């Protein structure tokens, strides 16, 4: 998705004007911090039901950038843990890294069982 994906989505869907105020960078940062989707509606000061509707659409840029922010943050943390674990100097980081890998593996397996070929 391009940087203007939210604005383009707004225009194509004749979506509410509040959508034009949301930026991809802001959504990614909020996702990285770990806020729940419902909290995003409050943060952007928009009706929760309306926000959740546009978030839940299959091609929603709101969902894309929110999920991308979570993924990028988790990957950055994983890189740091992997480096620390590889050096052998930090046993705690090695344990955290193993825990992260197990969590990612578990989530991928759950998605495969429940969603199969469906992109989620």
PDB file of N, CA and C in Angstrom:
ATOM      1  N   UNK A   1       0.841  -1.173   0.000  1.00  0.00           N
ATOM      2  CA  UNK A   1       0.000   0.000   0.000  1.00  0.00           C
ATOM      3  C   UNK A   1       0.886   1.236   0.000  1.00  0.00           C
ATOM      4  N   UNK A   2       0.457   2.240  -0.701  1.00  0.00           N
ATOM      5  CA  UNK A   2       1.221   3.479  -0.778  1.00  0.00           C
ATOM      6  C   UNK A   2       0.836   4.392   0.371  1.00  0.00           C
ATOM      7  N   UNK A   3       1.606   5.455   0.542  1.00  0.00           N
ATOM      8  CA  UNK A   3       1.374   6.359   1.664  1.00  0.00           C
ATOM      9  C   UNK A   3       0.017   7.032   1.614  1.00  0.00           C
ATOM     10  N   UNK A   4      -0.507   7.263   0.435  1.00  0.00           N
ATOM     11  CA  UNK A   4      -1.807   7.926   0.331  1.00  0.00           C
ATOM     12  C   UNK A   4      -2.947   6.909   0.257  1.00  0.00           C
ATOM     13  N   UNK A   5      -2.690   5.687   0.673  1.00  0.00           N
ATOM     14  CA  UNK A   5      -3.694   4.629   0.580  1.00  0.00           C
ATOM     15  C   UNK A   5      -4.947   4.947   1.389  1.00  0.00           C
ATOM     16  N   UNK A   6      -4.789   5.561   2.533  1.00  0.00           N
ATOM     17  CA  UNK A   6      -5.951   5.881   3.365  1.00  0.00           C
ATOM     18  C   UNK A   6      -6.810   6.939   2.687  1.00  0.00           C
ATOM     19  N   UNK A   7      -6.182   7.959   2.139  1.00  0.00           N
ATOM     20  CA  UNK A   7      -6.929   9.010   1.445  1.00  0.00           C
ATOM     21  C   UNK A   7      -7.614   8.430   0.210  1.00  0.00           C
ATOM     22  N   UNK A   8      -6.898   7.600  -0.533  1.00  0.00           N
ATOM     23  CA  UNK A   8      -7.476   6.984  -1.733  1.00  0.00           C
ATOM     24  C   UNK A   8      -8.659   6.074  -1.354  1.00  0.00           C
ATOM     25  N   UNK A   9      -8.491   5.310  -0.294  1.00  0.00           N
ATOM     26  CA  UNK A   9      -9.563   4.449   0.195  1.00  0.00           C
ATOM     27  C   UNK A   9     -10.772   5.294   0.576  1.00  0.00           C
ATOM     28  N   UNK A  10     -10.524   6.420   1.237  1.00  0.00           N
ATOM     29  CA  UNK A  10     -11.592   7.337   1.634  1.00  0.00           C
ATOM     30  C   UNK A  10     -12.370   7.820   0.414  1.00  0.00           C
ATOM     31  N   UNK A  11     -11.655   8.200  -0.628  1.00  0.00           N
ATOM     32  CA  UNK A  11     -12.305   8.718  -1.832  1.00  0.00           C
ATOM     33  C   UNK A  11     -13.088   7.631  -2.563  1.00  0.00           C
ATOM     34  N   UNK A  12     -12.499   6.444  -2.692  1.00  0.00           N
ATOM     35  CA  UNK A  12     -13.150   5.356  -3.427  1.00  0.00           C
ATOM     36  C   UNK A  12     -14.399   4.854  -2.718  1.00  0.00           C
ATOM     37  N   UNK A  13     -14.383   4.838  -1.410  1.00  0.00           N
ATOM     38  CA  UNK A  13     -15.499   4.302  -0.625  1.00  0.00           C
ATOM     39  C   UNK A  13     -16.468   5.365  -0.152  1.00  0.00           C
ATOM     40  N   UNK A  14     -16.177   6.619  -0.464  1.00  0.00           N
ATOM     41  CA  UNK A  14     -16.980   7.715   0.061  1.00  0.00           C
ATOM     42  C   UNK A  14     -17.089   7.593   1.584  1.00  0.00           C
ATOM     43  N   UNK A  15     -15.949   7.328   2.196  1.00  0.00           N
ATOM     44  CA  UNK A  15     -15.873   7.103   3.639  1.00  0.00           C
ATOM     45  C   UNK A  15     -15.981   8.430   4.387  1.00  0.00           C
ATOM     46  N   UNK A  16     -16.163   8.364   5.695  1.00  0.00           N
ATOM     47  CA  UNK A  16     -16.291   9.584   6.498  1.00  0.00           C
ATOM     48  C   UNK A  16     -15.027  10.456   6.424  1.00  0.00           C
ATOM     49  N   UNK A  17     -15.221  11.745   6.637  1.00  0.00           N
ATOM     50  CA  UNK A  17     -14.108  12.688   6.556  1.00  0.00           C
ATOM     51  C   UNK A  17     -13.025  12.455   7.609  1.00  0.00           C
ATOM     52  N   UNK A  18     -13.381  11.849   8.738  1.00  0.00           N
ATOM     53  CA  UNK A  18     -12.369  11.614   9.760  1.00  0.00           C
ATOM     54  C   UNK A  18     -11.233  10.740   9.236  1.00  0.00           C
ATOM     55  N   UNK A  19     -11.491   9.945   8.228  1.00  0.00           N
ATOM     56  CA  UNK A  19     -10.471   9.045   7.714  1.00  0.00           C
ATOM     57  C   UNK A  19      -9.301   9.807   7.085  1.00  0.00           C
ATOM     58  N   UNK A  20      -9.572  10.982   6.552  1.00  0.00           N
ATOM     59  CA  UNK A  20      -8.512  11.777   5.920  1.00  0.00           C
ATOM     60  C   UNK A  20      -7.493  12.286   6.939  1.00  0.00           C
ATOM     61  N   UNK A  21      -7.876  12.348   8.199  1.00  0.00           N
ATOM     62  CA  UNK A  21      -6.997  12.865   9.241  1.00  0.00           C
ATOM     63  C   UNK A  21      -6.005  11.816   9.751  1.00  0.00           C
ATOM     64  N   UNK A  22      -6.234  10.558   9.431  1.00  0.00           N
ATOM     65  CA  UNK A  22      -5.404   9.464   9.931  1.00  0.00           C
ATOM     66  C   UNK A  22      -4.242   9.231   8.975  1.00  0.00           C
ATOM     67  N   UNK A  23      -3.051   9.107   9.532  1.00  0.00           N
ATOM     68  CA  UNK A  23      -1.880   8.837   8.692  1.00  0.00           C
ATOM     69  C   UNK A  23      -1.394   7.411   8.919  1.00  0.00           C
ATOM     70  N   UNK A  24      -0.745   6.878   7.888  1.00  0.00           N
ATOM     71  CA  UNK A  24      -0.210   5.530   8.000  1.00  0.00           C
ATOM     72  C   UNK A  24       0.851   5.451   9.098  1.00  0.00           C
ATOM     73  N   UNK A  25       1.676   6.478   9.212  1.00  0.00           N
ATOM     74  CA  UNK A  25       2.736   6.479  10.219  1.00  0.00           C
ATOM     75  C   UNK A  25       2.150   6.439  11.629  1.00  0.00           C
ATOM     76  N   UNK A  26       1.108   7.218  11.848  1.00  0.00           N
ATOM     77  CA  UNK A  26       0.477   7.258  13.159  1.00  0.00           C
ATOM     78  C   UNK A  26      -0.147   5.907  13.502  1.00  0.00           C
ATOM     79  N   UNK A  27      -0.812   5.287  12.533  1.00  0.00           N
ATOM     80  CA  UNK A  27      -1.400   3.968  12.763  1.00  0.00           C
ATOM     81  C   UNK A  27      -0.320   2.932  13.077  1.00  0.00           C
ATOM     82  N   UNK A  28       0.778   2.982  12.344  1.00  0.00           N
ATOM     83  CA  UNK A  28       1.872   2.037  12.591  1.00  0.00           C
ATOM     84  C   UNK A  28       2.456   2.231  13.986  1.00  0.00           C
ATOM     85  N   UNK A  29       2.624   3.475  14.407  1.00  0.00           N
ATOM     86  CA  UNK A  29       3.172   3.741  15.739  1.00  0.00           C
ATOM     87  C   UNK A  29       2.223   3.252  16.832  1.00  0.00           C
ATOM     88  N   UNK A  30       0.933   3.493  16.659  1.00  0.00           N
ATOM     89  CA  UNK A  30      -0.039   3.043  17.658  1.00  0.00           C
ATOM     90  C   UNK A  30      -0.096   1.519  17.726  1.00  0.00           C
ATOM     91  N   UNK A  31       0.002   0.869  16.569  1.00  0.00           N
ATOM     92  CA  UNK A  31       0.051  -0.595  16.548  1.00  0.00           C
ATOM     93  C   UNK A  31       1.303  -1.111  17.233  1.00  0.00           C
ATOM     94  N   UNK A  32       2.435  -0.457  16.986  1.00  0.00           N
ATOM     95  CA  UNK A  32       3.700  -0.864  17.591  1.00  0.00           C
ATOM     96  C   UNK A  32       3.669  -0.733  19.106  1.00  0.00           C
ATOM     97  N   UNK A  33       2.997   0.296  19.594  1.00  0.00           N
ATOM     98  CA  UNK A  33       2.891   0.500  21.038  1.00  0.00           C
ATOM     99  C   UNK A  33       2.027  -0.592  21.656  1.00  0.00           C
ATOM    100  N   UNK A  34       1.047  -1.071  20.918  1.00  0.00           N
ATOM    101  CA  UNK A  34       0.218  -2.170  21.414  1.00  0.00           C
ATOM    102  C   UNK A  34      -1.198  -1.791  21.795  1.00  0.00           C
ATOM    103  N   UNK A  35      -1.658  -0.639  21.358  1.00  0.00           N
ATOM    104  CA  UNK A  35      -3.041  -0.266  21.655  1.00  0.00           C
ATOM    105  C   UNK A  35      -4.011  -1.199  20.953  1.00  0.00           C
ATOM    106  N   UNK A  36      -5.163  -1.419  21.578  1.00  0.00           N
ATOM    107  CA  UNK A  36      -6.213  -2.223  20.958  1.00  0.00           C
ATOM    108  C   UNK A  36      -6.907  -1.382  19.885  1.00  0.00           C
ATOM    109  N   UNK A  37      -7.516  -2.066  18.938  1.00  0.00           N
ATOM    110  CA  UNK A  37      -8.194  -1.373  17.836  1.00  0.00           C
ATOM    111  C   UNK A  37      -9.277  -0.446  18.375  1.00  0.00           C
ATOM    112  N   UNK A  38     -10.008  -0.883  19.381  1.00  0.00           N
ATOM    113  CA  UNK A  38     -11.072  -0.062  19.955  1.00  0.00           C
ATOM    114  C   UNK A  38     -10.519   1.243  20.529  1.00  0.00           C
ATOM    115  N   UNK A  39      -9.308   1.181  21.043  1.00  0.00           N
ATOM    116  CA  UNK A  39      -8.695   2.374  21.609  1.00  0.00           C
ATOM    117  C   UNK A  39      -8.307   3.373  20.519  1.00  0.00           C
ATOM    118  N   UNK A  40      -8.047   2.870  19.326  1.00  0.00           N
ATOM    119  CA  UNK A  40      -7.703   3.769  18.221  1.00  0.00           C
ATOM    120  C   UNK A  40      -8.867   4.705  17.906  1.00  0.00           C
ATOM    121  N   UNK A  41     -10.086   4.193  17.967  1.00  0.00           N
ATOM    122  CA  UNK A  41     -11.255   5.034  17.708  1.00  0.00           C
ATOM    123  C   UNK A  41     -11.303   6.188  18.708  1.00  0.00           C
ATOM    124  N   UNK A  42     -11.014   5.876  19.964  1.00  0.00           N
ATOM    125  CA  UNK A  42     -11.011   6.926  20.975  1.00  0.00           C
ATOM    126  C   UNK A  42      -9.862   7.905  20.714  1.00  0.00           C
ATOM    127  N   UNK A  43      -8.701   7.392  20.364  1.00  0.00           N
ATOM    128  CA  UNK A  43      -7.542   8.246  20.089  1.00  0.00           C
ATOM    129  C   UNK A  43      -7.845   9.225  18.954  1.00  0.00           C
ATOM    130  N   UNK A  44      -8.469   8.728  17.887  1.00  0.00           N
ATOM    131  CA  UNK A  44      -8.781   9.581  16.740  1.00  0.00           C
ATOM    132  C   UNK A  44     -10.089  10.341  16.926  1.00  0.00           C
ATOM    133  N   UNK A  45     -10.780  10.095  18.046  1.00  0.00           N
ATOM    134  CA  UNK A  45     -12.023  10.777  18.382  1.00  0.00           C
ATOM    135  C   UNK A  45     -13.092  10.569  17.305  1.00  0.00           C
ATOM    136  N   UNK A  46     -13.310   9.299  16.959  1.00  0.00           N
ATOM    137  CA  UNK A  46     -14.332   8.935  15.980  1.00  0.00           C
ATOM    138  C   UNK A  46     -15.256   7.891  16.592  1.00  0.00           C
ATOM    139  N   UNK A  47     -16.481   7.764  16.086  1.00  0.00           N
ATOM    140  CA  UNK A  47     -17.401   6.761  16.620  1.00  0.00           C
ATOM    141  C   UNK A  47     -16.807   5.357  16.508  1.00  0.00           C
ATOM    142  N   UNK A  48     -16.837   4.645  17.627  1.00  0.00           N
ATOM    143  CA  UNK A  48     -16.215   3.321  17.696  1.00  0.00           C
ATOM    144  C   UNK A  48     -16.783   2.357  16.659  1.00  0.00           C
ATOM    145  N   UNK A  49     -18.101   2.291  16.548  1.00  0.00           N
ATOM    146  CA  UNK A  49     -18.729   1.356  15.606  1.00  0.00           C
ATOM    147  C   UNK A  49     -18.324   1.675  14.165  1.00  0.00           C
ATOM    148  N   UNK A  50     -18.267   2.939  13.849  1.00  0.00           N
ATOM    149  CA  UNK A  50     -17.884   3.355  12.495  1.00  0.00           C
ATOM    150  C   UNK A  50     -16.420   3.007  12.210  1.00  0.00           C
ATOM    151  N   UNK A  51     -15.563   3.289  13.184  1.00  0.00           N
ATOM    152  CA  UNK A  51     -14.147   2.966  13.031  1.00  0.00           C
ATOM    153  C   UNK A  51     -13.962   1.455  12.864  1.00  0.00           C
ATOM    154  N   UNK A  52     -14.640   0.682  13.692  1.00  0.00           N
ATOM    155  CA  UNK A  52     -14.505  -0.777  13.634  1.00  0.00           C
ATOM    156  C   UNK A  52     -15.017  -1.314  12.296  1.00  0.00           C
ATOM    157  N   UNK A  53     -16.035  -0.705  11.738  1.00  0.00           N
ATOM    158  CA  UNK A  53     -16.543  -1.134  10.436  1.00  0.00           C
ATOM    159  C   UNK A  53     -15.464  -0.975   9.371  1.00  0.00           C
ATOM    160  N   UNK A  54     -14.855   0.202   9.306  1.00  0.00           N
ATOM    161  CA  UNK A  54     -13.845   0.449   8.277  1.00  0.00           C
ATOM    162  C   UNK A  54     -12.565  -0.342   8.548  1.00  0.00           C
ATOM    163  N   UNK A  55     -12.280  -0.620   9.805  1.00  0.00           N
ATOM    164  CA  UNK A  55     -11.131  -1.462  10.134  1.00  0.00           C
ATOM    165  C   UNK A  55     -11.355  -2.897   9.666  1.00  0.00           C
ATOM    166  N   UNK A  56     -12.583  -3.371   9.781  1.00  0.00           N
ATOM    167  CA  UNK A  56     -12.877  -4.782   9.495  1.00  0.00           C
ATOM    168  C   UNK A  56     -13.019  -5.105   8.010  1.00  0.00           C
ATOM    169  N   UNK A  57     -13.061  -4.113   7.142  1.00  0.00           N
ATOM    170  CA  UNK A  57     -13.169  -4.389   5.711  1.00  0.00           C
ATOM    171  C   UNK A  57     -11.916  -5.119   5.220  1.00  0.00           C
ATOM    172  N   UNK A  58     -12.095  -6.022   4.263  1.00  0.00           N
ATOM    173  CA  UNK A  58     -11.001  -6.874   3.792  1.00  0.00           C
ATOM    174  C   UNK A  58      -9.808  -6.083   3.268  1.00  0.00           C
ATOM    175  N   UNK A  59     -10.050  -4.989   2.588  1.00  0.00           N
ATOM    176  CA  UNK A  59      -8.955  -4.216   2.001  1.00  0.00           C
ATOM    177  C   UNK A  59      -8.671  -2.920   2.769  1.00  0.00           C
ATOM    178  N   UNK A  60      -8.938  -2.944   4.062  1.00  0.00           N
ATOM    179  CA  UNK A  60      -8.813  -1.738   4.884  1.00  0.00           C
ATOM    180  C   UNK A  60      -7.364  -1.311   5.079  1.00  0.00           C
ATOM    181  N   UNK A  61      -7.023  -0.086   4.653  1.00  0.00           N
ATOM    182  CA  UNK A  61      -5.674   0.413   4.927  1.00  0.00           C
ATOM    183  C   UNK A  61      -5.477   0.687   6.415  1.00  0.00           C
ATOM    184  N   UNK A  62      -6.564   0.934   7.126  1.00  0.00           N
ATOM    185  CA  UNK A  62      -6.458   1.135   8.570  1.00  0.00           C
ATOM    186  C   UNK A  62      -5.911  -0.136   9.203  1.00  0.00           C
ATOM    187  N   UNK A  63      -6.480  -1.277   8.869  1.00  0.00           N
ATOM    188  CA  UNK A  63      -6.000  -2.548   9.414  1.00  0.00           C
ATOM    189  C   UNK A  63      -4.575  -2.826   8.948  1.00  0.00           C
ATOM    190  N   UNK A  64      -4.308  -2.590   7.671  1.00  0.00           N
ATOM    191  CA  UNK A  64      -2.982  -2.880   7.119  1.00  0.00           C
ATOM    192  C   UNK A  64      -1.891  -2.151   7.898  1.00  0.00           C
ATOM    193  N   UNK A  65      -2.032  -0.852   8.075  1.00  0.00           N
ATOM    194  CA  UNK A  65      -0.983  -0.078   8.733  1.00  0.00           C
ATOM    195  C   UNK A  65      -0.908  -0.369  10.231  1.00  0.00           C
ATOM    196  N   UNK A  66      -2.046  -0.646  10.855  1.00  0.00           N
ATOM    197  CA  UNK A  66      -2.047  -1.021  12.270  1.00  0.00           C
ATOM    198  C   UNK A  66      -1.293  -2.341  12.459  1.00  0.00           C
ATOM    199  N   UNK A  67      -1.637  -3.349  11.661  1.00  0.00           N
ATOM    200  CA  UNK A  67      -0.983  -4.656  11.757  1.00  0.00           C
ATOM    201  C   UNK A  67       0.485  -4.564  11.352  1.00  0.00           C
ATOM    202  N   UNK A  68       0.794  -3.734  10.363  1.00  0.00           N
ATOM    203  CA  UNK A  68       2.181  -3.564   9.932  1.00  0.00           C
ATOM    204  C   UNK A  68       3.016  -2.972  11.066  1.00  0.00           C
ATOM    205  N   UNK A  69       2.454  -2.026  11.788  1.00  0.00           N
ATOM    206  CA  UNK A  69       3.168  -1.441  12.921  1.00  0.00           C
ATOM    207  C   UNK A  69       3.495  -2.470  13.983  1.00  0.00           C
ATOM    208  N   UNK A  70       2.547  -3.351  14.283  1.00  0.00           N
ATOM    209  CA  UNK A  70       2.797  -4.411  15.258  1.00  0.00           C
ATOM    210  C   UNK A  70       3.899  -5.340  14.761  1.00  0.00           C
ATOM    211  N   UNK A  71       3.822  -5.718  13.488  1.00  0.00           N
ATOM    212  CA  UNK A  71       4.802  -6.628  12.907  1.00  0.00           C
ATOM    213  C   UNK A  71       6.200  -6.020  12.895  1.00  0.00           C
ATOM    214  N   UNK A  72       6.324  -4.782  12.450  1.00  0.00           N
ATOM    215  CA  UNK A  72       7.632  -4.133  12.369  1.00  0.00           C
ATOM    216  C   UNK A  72       8.257  -4.022  13.755  1.00  0.00           C
ATOM    217  N   UNK A  73       7.475  -3.651  14.748  1.00  0.00           N
ATOM    218  CA  UNK A  73       8.005  -3.528  16.111  1.00  0.00           C
ATOM    219  C   UNK A  73       8.454  -4.888  16.634  1.00  0.00           C
ATOM    220  N   UNK A  74       7.646  -5.905  16.422  1.00  0.00           N
ATOM    221  CA  UNK A  74       8.014  -7.238  16.879  1.00  0.00           C
ATOM    222  C   UNK A  74       9.275  -7.724  16.164  1.00  0.00           C
ATOM    223  N   UNK A  75       9.398  -7.416  14.883  1.00  0.00           N
ATOM    224  CA  UNK A  75      10.584  -7.812  14.138  1.00  0.00           C
ATOM    225  C   UNK A  75      11.829  -7.093  14.661  1.00  0.00           C
ATOM    226  N   UNK A  76      11.707  -5.799  14.939  1.00  0.00           N
ATOM    227  CA  UNK A  76      12.850  -5.053  15.474  1.00  0.00           C
ATOM    228  C   UNK A  76      13.310  -5.648  16.803  1.00  0.00           C
ATOM    229  N   UNK A  77      12.348  -5.951  17.663  1.00  0.00           N
ATOM    230  CA  UNK A  77      12.691  -6.554  18.948  1.00  0.00           C
ATOM    231  C   UNK A  77      13.323  -7.923  18.731  1.00  0.00           C
ATOM    232  N   UNK A  78      12.787  -8.672  17.776  1.00  0.00           N
ATOM    233  CA  UNK A  78      13.340  -9.984  17.471  1.00  0.00           C
ATOM    234  C   UNK A  78      14.768  -9.907  16.968  1.00  0.00           C
ATOM    235  N   UNK A  79      15.054  -8.927  16.104  1.00  0.00           N
ATOM    236  CA  UNK A  79      16.423  -8.743  15.611  1.00  0.00           C
ATOM    237  C   UNK A  79      17.383  -8.476  16.766  1.00  0.00           C
ATOM    238  N   UNK A  80      16.963  -7.577  17.663  1.00  0.00           N
ATOM    239  CA  UNK A  80      17.815  -7.249  18.810  1.00  0.00           C
ATOM    240  C   UNK A  80      18.035  -8.460  19.711  1.00  0.00           C
ATOM    241  N   UNK A  81      16.968  -9.223  19.947  1.00  0.00           N
ATOM    242  CA  UNK A  81      17.097 -10.418  20.778  1.00  0.00           C
ATOM    243  C   UNK A  81      17.973 -11.462  20.100  1.00  0.00           C
ATOM    244  N   UNK A  82      17.817 -11.610  18.793  1.00  0.00           N
ATOM    245  CA  UNK A  82      18.620 -12.591  18.061  1.00  0.00           C
ATOM    246  C   UNK A  82      20.097 -12.237  18.138  1.00  0.00           C
ATOM    247  N   UNK A  83      20.419 -10.966  17.983  1.00  0.00           N
ATOM    248  CA  UNK A  83      21.815 -10.531  18.077  1.00  0.00           C
ATOM    249  C   UNK A  83      22.381 -10.805  19.468  1.00  0.00           C
ATOM    250  N   UNK A  84      21.590 -10.465  20.491  1.00  0.00           N
ATOM    251  CA  UNK A  84      22.053 -10.671  21.864  1.00  0.00           C
ATOM    252  C   UNK A  84      22.182 -12.162  22.180  1.00  0.00           C
ATOM    253  N   UNK A  85      21.244 -12.959  21.678  1.00  0.00           N
ATOM    254  CA  UNK A  85      21.298 -14.406  21.927  1.00  0.00           C
ATOM    255  C   UNK A  85      22.474 -15.046  21.199  1.00  0.00           C
ATOM    256  N   UNK A  86      22.767 -14.567  19.997  1.00  0.00           N
ATOM    257  CA  UNK A  86      23.854 -15.141  19.204  1.00  0.00           C
ATOM    258  C   UNK A  86      25.215 -14.878  19.836  1.00  0.00           C
ATOM    259  N   UNK A  87      25.338 -13.752  20.517  1.00  0.00           N
ATOM    260  CA  UNK A  87      26.619 -13.428  21.140  1.00  0.00           C
ATOM    261  C   UNK A  87      26.904 -14.341  22.327  1.00  0.00           C
ATOM    262  N   UNK A  88      25.847 -14.915  22.899  1.00  0.00           N
ATOM    263  CA  UNK A  88      26.023 -15.820  24.032  1.00  0.00           C
ATOM    264  C   UNK A  88      26.249 -15.124  25.350  1.00  0.00           C
ATOM    265  N   UNK A  89      26.269 -13.817  25.333  1.00  0.00           N
ATOM    266  CA  UNK A  89      26.545 -13.063  26.556  1.00  0.00           C
ATOM    267  C   UNK A  89      25.307 -12.789  27.395  1.00  0.00           C
ATOM    268  N   UNK A  90      24.141 -12.962  26.808  1.00  0.00           N
ATOM    269  CA  UNK A  90      22.924 -12.569  27.504  1.00  0.00           C
ATOM    270  C   UNK A  90      21.911 -13.714  27.486  1.00  0.00           C
ATOM    271  N   UNK A  91      21.890 -14.491  28.547  1.00  0.00           N
ATOM    272  CA  UNK A  91      20.994 -15.647  28.629  1.00  0.00           C
ATOM    273  C   UNK A  91      19.533 -15.217  28.674  1.00  0.00           C
ATOM    274  N   UNK A  92      19.265 -14.100  29.307  1.00  0.00           N
ATOM    275  CA  UNK A  92      17.884 -13.617  29.390  1.00  0.00           C
ATOM    276  C   UNK A  92      17.351 -13.283  28.005  1.00  0.00           C
ATOM    277  N   UNK A  93      18.161 -12.617  27.186  1.00  0.00           N
ATOM    278  CA  UNK A  93      17.726 -12.290  25.832  1.00  0.00           C
ATOM    279  C   UNK A  93      17.525 -13.560  25.010  1.00  0.00           C
ATOM    280  N   UNK A  94      18.367 -14.559  25.214  1.00  0.00           N
ATOM    281  CA  UNK A  94      18.205 -15.827  24.502  1.00  0.00           C
ATOM    282  C   UNK A  94      16.872 -16.475  24.874  1.00  0.00           C
ATOM    283  N   UNK A  95      16.509 -16.415  26.138  1.00  0.00           N
ATOM    284  CA  UNK A  95      15.225 -16.967  26.580  1.00  0.00           C
ATOM    285  C   UNK A  95      14.062 -16.178  26.003  1.00  0.00           C
ATOM    286  N   UNK A  96      14.171 -14.865  26.011  1.00  0.00           N
ATOM    287  CA  UNK A  96      13.115 -14.023  25.431  1.00  0.00           C
ATOM    288  C   UNK A  96      12.976 -14.301  23.940  1.00  0.00           C
ATOM    289  N   UNK A  97      14.090 -14.484  23.257  1.00  0.00           N
ATOM    290  CA  UNK A  97      14.073 -14.765  21.824  1.00  0.00           C
ATOM    291  C   UNK A  97      13.382 -16.099  21.547  1.00  0.00           C
ATOM    292  N   UNK A  98      13.685 -17.119  22.331  1.00  0.00           N
ATOM    293  CA  UNK A  98      13.013 -18.422  22.167  1.00  0.00           C
ATOM    294  C   UNK A  98      11.514 -18.292  22.405  1.00  0.00           C
ATOM    295  N   UNK A  99      11.150 -17.529  23.409  1.00  0.00           N
ATOM    296  CA  UNK A  99       9.731 -17.317  23.704  1.00  0.00           C
ATOM    297  C   UNK A  99       9.036 -16.611  22.540  1.00  0.00           C
ATOM    298  N   UNK A 100       9.691 -15.595  21.962  1.00  0.00           N
ATOM    299  CA  UNK A 100       9.125 -14.886  20.818  1.00  0.00           C
ATOM    300  C   UNK A 100       8.951 -15.821  19.625  1.00  0.00           C
ATOM    301  N   UNK A 101       9.964 -16.629  19.352  1.00  0.00           N
ATOM    302  CA  UNK A 101       9.867 -17.559  18.220  1.00  0.00           C
ATOM    303  C   UNK A 101       8.728 -18.552  18.419  1.00  0.00           C
ATOM    304  N   UNK A 102       8.561 -19.047  19.637  1.00  0.00           N
ATOM    305  CA  UNK A 102       7.451 -19.974  19.902  1.00  0.00           C
ATOM    306  C   UNK A 102       6.100 -19.289  19.712  1.00  0.00           C
ATOM    307  N   UNK A 103       5.991 -18.041  20.162  1.00  0.00           N
ATOM    308  CA  UNK A 103       4.733 -17.303  20.019  1.00  0.00           C
ATOM    309  C   UNK A 103       4.402 -17.064  18.547  1.00  0.00           C
ATOM    310  N   UNK A 104       5.406 -16.685  17.754  1.00  0.00           N
ATOM    311  CA  UNK A 104       5.185 -16.447  16.323  1.00  0.00           C
ATOM    312  C   UNK A 104       4.816 -17.752  15.633  1.00  0.00           C
ATOM    313  N   UNK A 105       5.508 -18.824  15.966  1.00  0.00           N
ATOM    314  CA  UNK A 105       5.214 -20.137  15.374  1.00  0.00           C
ATOM    315  C   UNK A 105       3.785 -20.577  15.716  1.00  0.00           C
ATOM    316  N   UNK A 106       3.405 -20.408  16.968  1.00  0.00           N
ATOM    317  CA  UNK A 106       2.058 -20.786  17.394  1.00  0.00           C
ATOM    318  C   UNK A 106       1.006 -19.987  16.637  1.00  0.00           C
ATOM    319  N   UNK A 107       1.198 -18.676  16.530  1.00  0.00           N
ATOM    320  CA  UNK A 107       0.222 -17.837  15.828  1.00  0.00           C
ATOM    321  C   UNK A 107       0.127 -18.226  14.357  1.00  0.00           C
ATOM    322  N   UNK A 108       1.243 -18.518  13.740  1.00  0.00           N
ATOM    323  CA  UNK A 108       1.236 -18.949  12.340  1.00  0.00           C
ATOM    324  C   UNK A 108       0.496 -20.273  12.168  1.00  0.00           C
ATOM    325  N   UNK A 109       0.688 -21.196  13.102  1.00  0.00           N
ATOM    326  CA  UNK A 109      -0.012 -22.479  13.029  1.00  0.00           C
ATOM    327  C   UNK A 109      -1.510 -22.313  13.233  1.00  0.00           C
ATOM    328  N   UNK A 110      -1.909 -21.464  14.162  1.00  0.00           N
ATOM    329  CA  UNK A 110      -3.334 -21.191  14.374  1.00  0.00           C
ATOM    330  C   UNK A 110      -3.945 -20.602  13.114  1.00  0.00           C
ATOM    331  N   UNK A 111      -3.256 -19.638  12.515  1.00  0.00           N
ATOM    332  CA  UNK A 111      -3.765 -19.023  11.289  1.00  0.00           C
ATOM    333  C   UNK A 111      -3.884 -20.046  10.168  1.00  0.00           C
ATOM    334  N   UNK A 112      -2.928 -20.940  10.075  1.00  0.00           N
ATOM    335  CA  UNK A 112      -2.970 -21.969   9.027  1.00  0.00           C
ATOM    336  C   UNK A 112      -4.153 -22.910   9.223  1.00  0.00           C
ATOM    337  N   UNK A 113      -4.412 -23.296  10.468  1.00  0.00           N
ATOM    338  CA  UNK A 113      -5.521 -24.215  10.761  1.00  0.00           C
ATOM    339  C   UNK A 113      -6.868 -23.552  10.488  1.00  0.00           C
ATOM    340  N   UNK A 114      -7.036 -22.330  10.973  1.00  0.00           N
ATOM    341  CA  UNK A 114      -8.337 -21.674  10.880  1.00  0.00           C
ATOM    342  C   UNK A 114      -8.583 -20.960   9.552  1.00  0.00           C
ATOM    343  N   UNK A 115      -7.532 -20.447   8.950  1.00  0.00           N
ATOM    344  CA  UNK A 115      -7.738 -19.635   7.766  1.00  0.00           C
ATOM    345  C   UNK A 115      -7.173 -20.249   6.499  1.00  0.00           C
ATOM    346  N   UNK A 116      -6.277 -21.195   6.616  1.00  0.00           N
ATOM    347  CA  UNK A 116      -5.730 -21.874   5.449  1.00  0.00           C
ATOM    348  C   UNK A 116      -5.161 -20.908   4.424  1.00  0.00           C
ATOM    349  N   UNK A 117      -5.746 -20.894   3.249  1.00  0.00           N
ATOM    350  CA  UNK A 117      -5.258 -20.063   2.158  1.00  0.00           C
ATOM    351  C   UNK A 117      -5.775 -18.620   2.192  1.00  0.00           C
ATOM    352  N   UNK A 118      -6.651 -18.311   3.123  1.00  0.00           N
ATOM    353  CA  UNK A 118      -7.221 -16.978   3.220  1.00  0.00           C
ATOM    354  C   UNK A 118      -6.182 -16.020   3.777  1.00  0.00           C
ATOM    355  N   UNK A 119      -5.994 -14.888   3.124  1.00  0.00           N
ATOM    356  CA  UNK A 119      -5.064 -13.871   3.621  1.00  0.00           C
ATOM    357  C   UNK A 119      -5.687 -13.163   4.811  1.00  0.00           C
ATOM    358  N   UNK A 120      -4.996 -13.185   5.951  1.00  0.00           N
ATOM    359  CA  UNK A 120      -5.499 -12.499   7.144  1.00  0.00           C
ATOM    360  C   UNK A 120      -4.552 -11.427   7.568  1.00  0.00           C
TER     361      UNK A 120
END
